[in-house]
C-alpha atoms as a PDB file:
ATOM      1  CA  MET A   1       0.000   0.000   0.000  1.00  0.00           C
ATOM      2  CA  LEU A   2       2.684   2.545   0.977  1.00  0.00           C
ATOM      3  CA  THR A   3       4.892   1.427  -1.884  1.00  0.00           C
ATOM      4  CA  HIS A   4       2.056   1.826  -4.374  1.00  0.00           C
ATOM      5  CA  ALA A   5       1.140   5.278  -3.034  1.00  0.00           C
ATOM      6  CA  THR A   6       4.791   6.356  -3.208  1.00  0.00           C
ATOM      7  CA  PHE A   7       5.044   5.208  -6.815  1.00  0.00           C
ATOM      8  CA  GLU A   8       1.815   6.996  -7.646  1.00  0.00           C
ATOM      9  CA  VAL A   9       2.886  10.381  -6.294  1.00  0.00           C
ATOM     10  CA  LEU A  10       6.433  10.157  -7.649  1.00  0.00           C
ATOM     11  CA  ASN A  11       5.161   9.091 -11.072  1.00  0.00           C
ATOM     12  CA  GLN A  12       2.753  12.056 -11.053  1.00  0.00           C
ATOM     13  CA  LEU A  13       5.760  14.252 -10.350  1.00  0.00           C
ATOM     14  CA  ALA A  14       7.750  12.672 -13.182  1.00  0.00           C
ATOM     15  CA  ALA A  15       4.829  13.196 -15.593  1.00  0.00           C
ATOM     16  CA  LEU A  16       4.754  16.872 -14.682  1.00  0.00           C
ATOM     17  CA  LEU A  17       8.527  17.336 -14.946  1.00  0.00           C
ATOM     18  CA  GLU A  18       8.611  15.752 -18.405  1.00  0.00           C
ATOM     19  CA  GLN A  19       6.466  18.662 -19.645  1.00  0.00           C
ATOM     20  CA  LEU A  20       8.792  21.386 -18.374  1.00  0.00           C
ATOM     21  CA  ASP A  21      11.992  22.800 -19.718  1.00  0.00           C
ATOM     22  CA  GLU A  22      14.849  23.796 -17.427  1.00  0.00           C
ATOM     23  CA  GLU A  23      13.933  27.481 -17.537  1.00  0.00           C
ATOM     24  CA  GLU A  24      10.355  26.795 -16.412  1.00  0.00           C
ATOM     25  CA  TYR A  25      11.618  24.367 -13.779  1.00  0.00           C
ATOM     26  CA  SER A  26      14.020  26.928 -12.281  1.00  0.00           C
ATOM     27  CA  LEU A  27      11.829  30.001 -12.721  1.00  0.00           C
ATOM     28  CA  THR A  28      11.379  32.033  -9.521  1.00  0.00           C
ATOM     29  CA  LEU A  29       7.655  32.564  -9.036  1.00  0.00           C
ATOM     30  CA  PRO A  30       6.121  35.176  -6.699  1.00  0.00           C
ATOM     31  CA  VAL A  31       2.991  33.036  -6.218  1.00  0.00           C
ATOM     32  CA  ILE A  32       5.085  30.447  -4.354  1.00  0.00           C
ATOM     33  CA  SER A  33       7.066  32.913  -2.260  1.00  0.00           C
ATOM     34  CA  ASN A  34       9.713  33.533  -4.926  1.00  0.00           C
ATOM     35  CA  ASN A  35      10.659  29.873  -5.045  1.00  0.00           C
ATOM     36  CA  SER A  36      10.733  27.645  -8.091  1.00  0.00           C
ATOM     37  CA  ILE A  37       9.063  24.375  -8.935  1.00  0.00           C
ATOM     38  CA  GLY A  38      12.579  22.914  -8.891  1.00  0.00           C
ATOM     39  CA  LYS A  39      13.126  23.993  -5.273  1.00  0.00           C
ATOM     40  CA  HIS A  40       9.952  22.212  -4.230  1.00  0.00           C
ATOM     41  CA  VAL A  41      11.002  19.108  -6.154  1.00  0.00           C
ATOM     42  CA  ARG A  42      14.441  19.158  -4.515  1.00  0.00           C
ATOM     43  CA  HIS A  43      12.824  19.426  -1.119  1.00  0.00           C
ATOM     44  CA  ILE A  44      10.480  16.484  -1.839  1.00  0.00           C
ATOM     45  CA  LEU A  45      13.210  14.231  -3.206  1.00  0.00           C
ATOM     46  CA  GLU A  46      15.669  15.025  -0.438  1.00  0.00           C
ATOM     47  CA  PHE A  47      13.132  13.974   2.187  1.00  0.00           C
ATOM     48  CA  TYR A  48      12.912  10.592   0.455  1.00  0.00           C
ATOM     49  CA  ILE A  49      16.696  10.404   0.174  1.00  0.00           C
ATOM     50  CA  CYS A  50      17.030  11.128   3.908  1.00  0.00           C
ATOM     51  CA  LEU A  51      14.431   8.482   4.694  1.00  0.00           C
ATOM     52  CA  LEU A  52      16.079   5.826   2.558  1.00  0.00           C
ATOM     53  CA  GLN A  53      19.577   6.576   3.824  1.00  0.00           C
ATOM     54  CA  GLY A  54      18.441   6.878   7.428  1.00  0.00           C
ATOM     55  CA  GLN A  55      16.630   3.560   7.497  1.00  0.00           C
ATOM     56  CA  ASP A  56      19.946   1.740   7.163  1.00  0.00           C
ATOM     57  CA  GLY A  57      21.423   3.350  10.269  1.00  0.00           C
ATOM     58  CA  GLY A  58      18.136   3.588  12.113  1.00  0.00           C
ATOM     59  CA  VAL A  59      18.199   7.401  12.407  1.00  0.00           C
ATOM     60  CA  ILE A  60      16.450   9.952  10.192  1.00  0.00           C
ATOM     61  CA  ASP A  61      17.142  13.674  10.320  1.00  0.00           C
ATOM     62  CA  TYR A  62      15.354  15.541   7.554  1.00  0.00           C
ATOM     63  CA  ASP A  63      17.129  18.754   8.570  1.00  0.00           C
ATOM     64  CA  LEU A  64      20.447  17.280   7.379  1.00  0.00           C
ATOM     65  CA  ARG A  65      19.365  17.281   3.742  1.00  0.00           C
ATOM     66  CA  LYS A  66      22.142  17.904   1.242  1.00  0.00           C
ATOM     67  CA  ARG A  67      20.236  20.701  -0.513  1.00  0.00           C
ATOM     68  CA  ASP A  68      21.590  19.622  -3.868  1.00  0.00           C
ATOM     69  CA  VAL A  69      21.164  22.485  -6.350  1.00  0.00           C
ATOM     70  CA  ARG A  70      21.244  20.026  -9.256  1.00  0.00           C
ATOM     71  CA  LEU A  71      17.922  18.598  -8.058  1.00  0.00           C
ATOM     72  CA  GLU A  72      16.306  22.017  -8.367  1.00  0.00           C
ATOM     73  CA  THR A  73      17.871  23.027 -11.690  1.00  0.00           C
ATOM     74  CA  GLU A  74      18.283  19.835 -13.765  1.00  0.00           C
ATOM     75  CA  ILE A  75      15.117  17.984 -14.675  1.00  0.00           C
ATOM     76  CA  SER A  76      16.996  14.919 -15.930  1.00  0.00           C
ATOM     77  CA  TYR A  77      18.821  14.657 -12.600  1.00  0.00           C
ATOM     78  CA  ALA A  78      15.538  14.956 -10.687  1.00  0.00           C
ATOM     79  CA  LEU A  79      13.962  12.254 -12.882  1.00  0.00           C
ATOM     80  CA  HIS A  80      17.003  10.018 -12.331  1.00  0.00           C
ATOM     81  CA  ASN A  81      16.550  10.432  -8.566  1.00  0.00           C
ATOM     82  CA  ILE A  82      12.830   9.649  -8.807  1.00  0.00           C
ATOM     83  CA  ASN A  83      13.721   6.382 -10.556  1.00  0.00           C
ATOM     84  CA  ASN A  84      16.329   5.578  -7.897  1.00  0.00           C
ATOM     85  CA  ILE A  85      13.900   6.288  -5.075  1.00  0.00           C
ATOM     86  CA  ASN A  86      11.257   4.062  -6.676  1.00  0.00           C
ATOM     87  CA  ALA A  87      13.821   1.272  -7.094  1.00  0.00           C
ATOM     88  CA  LEU A  88      14.800   1.477  -3.417  1.00  0.00           C
ATOM     89  CA  ILE A  89      11.229   1.798  -2.124  1.00  0.00           C
ATOM     90  CA  ILE A  90      10.255  -1.460  -3.814  1.00  0.00           C
ATOM     91  CA  GLN A  91      12.985  -3.258  -1.854  1.00  0.00           C
ATOM     92  CA  ILE A  92      11.534  -2.319   1.543  1.00  0.00           C
ATOM     93  CA  ALA A  93      10.383  -5.535   3.152  1.00  0.00           C
ATOM     94  CA  GLU A  94       9.883  -4.732   6.820  1.00  0.00           C
ATOM     95  CA  ASN A  95       8.666  -1.980   9.100  1.00  0.00           C
ATOM     96  CA  LYS A  96      11.886  -1.116  10.920  1.00  0.00           C
ATOM     97  CA  LYS A  97      11.985   0.855  14.148  1.00  0.00           C
ATOM     98  CA  LEU A  98      13.712   4.184  13.629  1.00  0.00           C
ATOM     99  CA  THR A  99      14.661   7.310  15.514  1.00  0.00           C
ATOM    100  CA  LEU A 100      13.582  10.633  14.054  1.00  0.00           C
ATOM    101  CA  ILE A 101      15.669  13.664  14.974  1.00  0.00           C
ATOM    102  CA  VAL A 102      13.574  16.834  15.072  1.00  0.00           C
ATOM    103  CA  GLY A 103      14.150  20.434  16.001  1.00  0.00           C
ATOM    104  CA  PHE A 104      11.467  23.074  16.125  1.00  0.00           C
ATOM    105  CA  SER A 105      13.469  25.965  17.488  1.00  0.00           C
ATOM    106  CA  GLU A 106      16.631  27.799  16.547  1.00  0.00           C
ATOM    107  CA  THR A 107      17.825  27.697  20.134  1.00  0.00           C
ATOM    108  CA  ASP A 108      16.539  24.480  21.706  1.00  0.00           C
ATOM    109  CA  GLU A 109      18.313  21.170  21.264  1.00  0.00           C
ATOM    110  CA  ASN A 110      16.912  18.627  18.861  1.00  0.00           C
ATOM    111  CA  ALA A 111      14.754  15.815  20.164  1.00  0.00           C
ATOM    112  CA  ALA A 112      14.856  12.113  19.296  1.00  0.00           C
ATOM    113  CA  ILE A 113      11.449  10.538  18.649  1.00  0.00           C
ATOM    114  CA  GLU A 114      10.691   6.864  18.133  1.00  0.00           C
ATOM    115  CA  THR A 115       9.080   6.156  14.799  1.00  0.00           C
ATOM    116  CA  THR A 116       8.944   3.432  12.153  1.00  0.00           C
ATOM    117  CA  LEU A 117       9.864   3.176   8.517  1.00  0.00           C
ATOM    118  CA  TYR A 118       6.236   2.779   7.470  1.00  0.00           C
ATOM    119  CA  ARG A 119       5.183   5.817   9.504  1.00  0.00           C
ATOM    120  CA  GLU A 120       7.865   7.897   7.810  1.00  0.00           C
ATOM    121  CA  MET A 121       6.846   6.570   4.397  1.00  0.00           C
ATOM    122  CA  ALA A 122       3.274   7.678   5.143  1.00  0.00           C
ATOM    123  CA  TYR A 123       4.551  11.067   6.291  1.00  0.00           C
ATOM    124  CA  ASN A 124       6.560  11.506   3.090  1.00  0.00           C
ATOM    125  CA  ILE A 125       3.522  10.742   0.938  1.00  0.00           C
ATOM    126  CA  GLU A 126       1.491  13.436   2.729  1.00  0.00           C
ATOM    127  CA  HIS A 127       4.477  15.789   2.558  1.00  0.00           C
ATOM    128  CA  VAL A 128       4.685  15.303  -1.216  1.00  0.00           C
ATOM    129  CA  ILE A 129       0.980  16.009  -1.664  1.00  0.00           C
ATOM    130  CA  HIS A 130       1.319  19.245   0.316  1.00  0.00           C
ATOM    131  CA  HIS A 131       4.116  20.409  -1.984  1.00  0.00           C
ATOM    132  CA  PHE A 132       2.170  19.270  -5.026  1.00  0.00           C
ATOM    133  CA  ALA A 133      -0.630  21.648  -4.029  1.00  0.00           C
ATOM    134  CA  LEU A 134       1.885  24.511  -4.062  1.00  0.00           C
ATOM    135  CA  ILE A 135       3.410  23.351  -7.355  1.00  0.00           C
ATOM    136  CA  LYS A 136      -0.097  23.146  -8.845  1.00  0.00           C
ATOM    137  CA  ILE A 137      -0.738  26.786  -7.925  1.00  0.00           C
ATOM    138  CA  ALA A 138       2.550  27.748  -9.584  1.00  0.00           C
ATOM    139  CA  VAL A 139       1.794  25.797 -12.759  1.00  0.00           C
ATOM    140  CA  GLU A 140      -1.758  27.105 -13.067  1.00  0.00           C
ATOM    141  CA  THR A 141      -0.554  30.675 -12.526  1.00  0.00           C
ATOM    142  CA  ALA A 142       2.582  30.772 -14.666  1.00  0.00           C
ATOM    143  CA  LEU A 143       2.584  27.738 -16.977  1.00  0.00           C
ATOM    144  CA  ALA A 144      -1.003  27.292 -18.141  1.00  0.00           C
ATOM    145  CA  GLU A 145       0.014  25.089 -21.100  1.00  0.00           C
ATOM    146  CA  VAL A 146       1.327  22.378 -18.745  1.00  0.00           C
ATOM    147  CA  LYS A 147      -1.145  19.566 -18.112  1.00  0.00           C
ATOM    148  CA  ILE A 148      -1.384  18.697 -14.437  1.00  0.00           C
ATOM    149  CA  PRO A 149      -2.176  15.059 -13.611  1.00  0.00           C
ATOM    150  CA  GLU A 150      -5.657  14.514 -12.214  1.00  0.00           C
ATOM    151  CA  ASN A 151      -5.694  14.641  -8.393  1.00  0.00           C
ATOM    152  CA  PHE A 152      -2.250  16.268  -8.308  1.00  0.00           C
ATOM    153  CA  GLY A 153      -1.938  17.919  -4.911  1.00  0.00           C
ATOM    154  CA  VAL A 154      -5.080  16.311  -3.520  1.00  0.00           C
ATOM    155  CA  ALA A 155      -4.800  14.053  -0.475  1.00  0.00           C
ATOM    156  CA  PHE A 156      -5.806  10.415  -0.946  1.00  0.00           C
ATOM    157  CA  SER A 157      -8.361  10.821   1.865  1.00  0.00           C
ATOM    158  CA  THR A 158      -9.950  13.732   0.000  1.00  0.00           C
ATOM    159  CA  ILE A 159     -10.125  11.727  -3.224  1.00  0.00           C
ATOM    160  CA  LYS A 160     -11.826   8.853  -1.371  1.00  0.00           C
ATOM    161  CA  HIS A 161     -14.275  11.274   0.231  1.00  0.00           C
ATOM    162  CA  GLN A 162     -15.094  12.855  -3.127  1.00  0.00           C
ATOM    163  CA  HIS A 163     -15.746   9.427  -4.699  1.00  0.00           C
ATOM    164  CA  LYS A 164     -17.942   8.462  -1.745  1.00  0.00           C
ATOM    165  CA  THR A 165     -19.892  11.723  -1.964  1.00  0.00           C
ATOM    166  CA  CYS A 166     -20.381  11.367  -5.733  1.00  0.00           C
ATOM    167  CA  ALA A 167     -21.608   7.768  -5.336  1.00  0.00           C
ATOM    168  CA  GLN A 168     -24.375   8.840  -2.940  1.00  0.00           C
END
């Protein structure tokens, strides 16, 4: 279930990226706080990279992302990373116990929270959808010719609710 949902959101992202050129991908857009679609994609992919790397050592710290500029400026590099993430996600066979390092203050020390691999996979799916909603606003505002996949940026729970409501 989590694997399938991960593939679905990452494949939606790939479908969107394949329609953009590098200039559109890197374009700073006021509607998303002077960020680019590429910056949101980098952020999404680096969370998955942190998750996949952290599961091996048992500790995840999303704040220690590399912040790889290539992910936000080179579509082919982002697509390559999407393929790598999908290939590694499919290999996950067990729900490992993990420690999540979090910090919510500039001055306080970070905290260590018990979590699991599946919980973090679920979190990453929701995290992606949140960023998709922002990317969708950017595309609809600045790149109207780009076709956005159906349900892009819509939570799976919302989609289920909409289908249930329409069936009644």
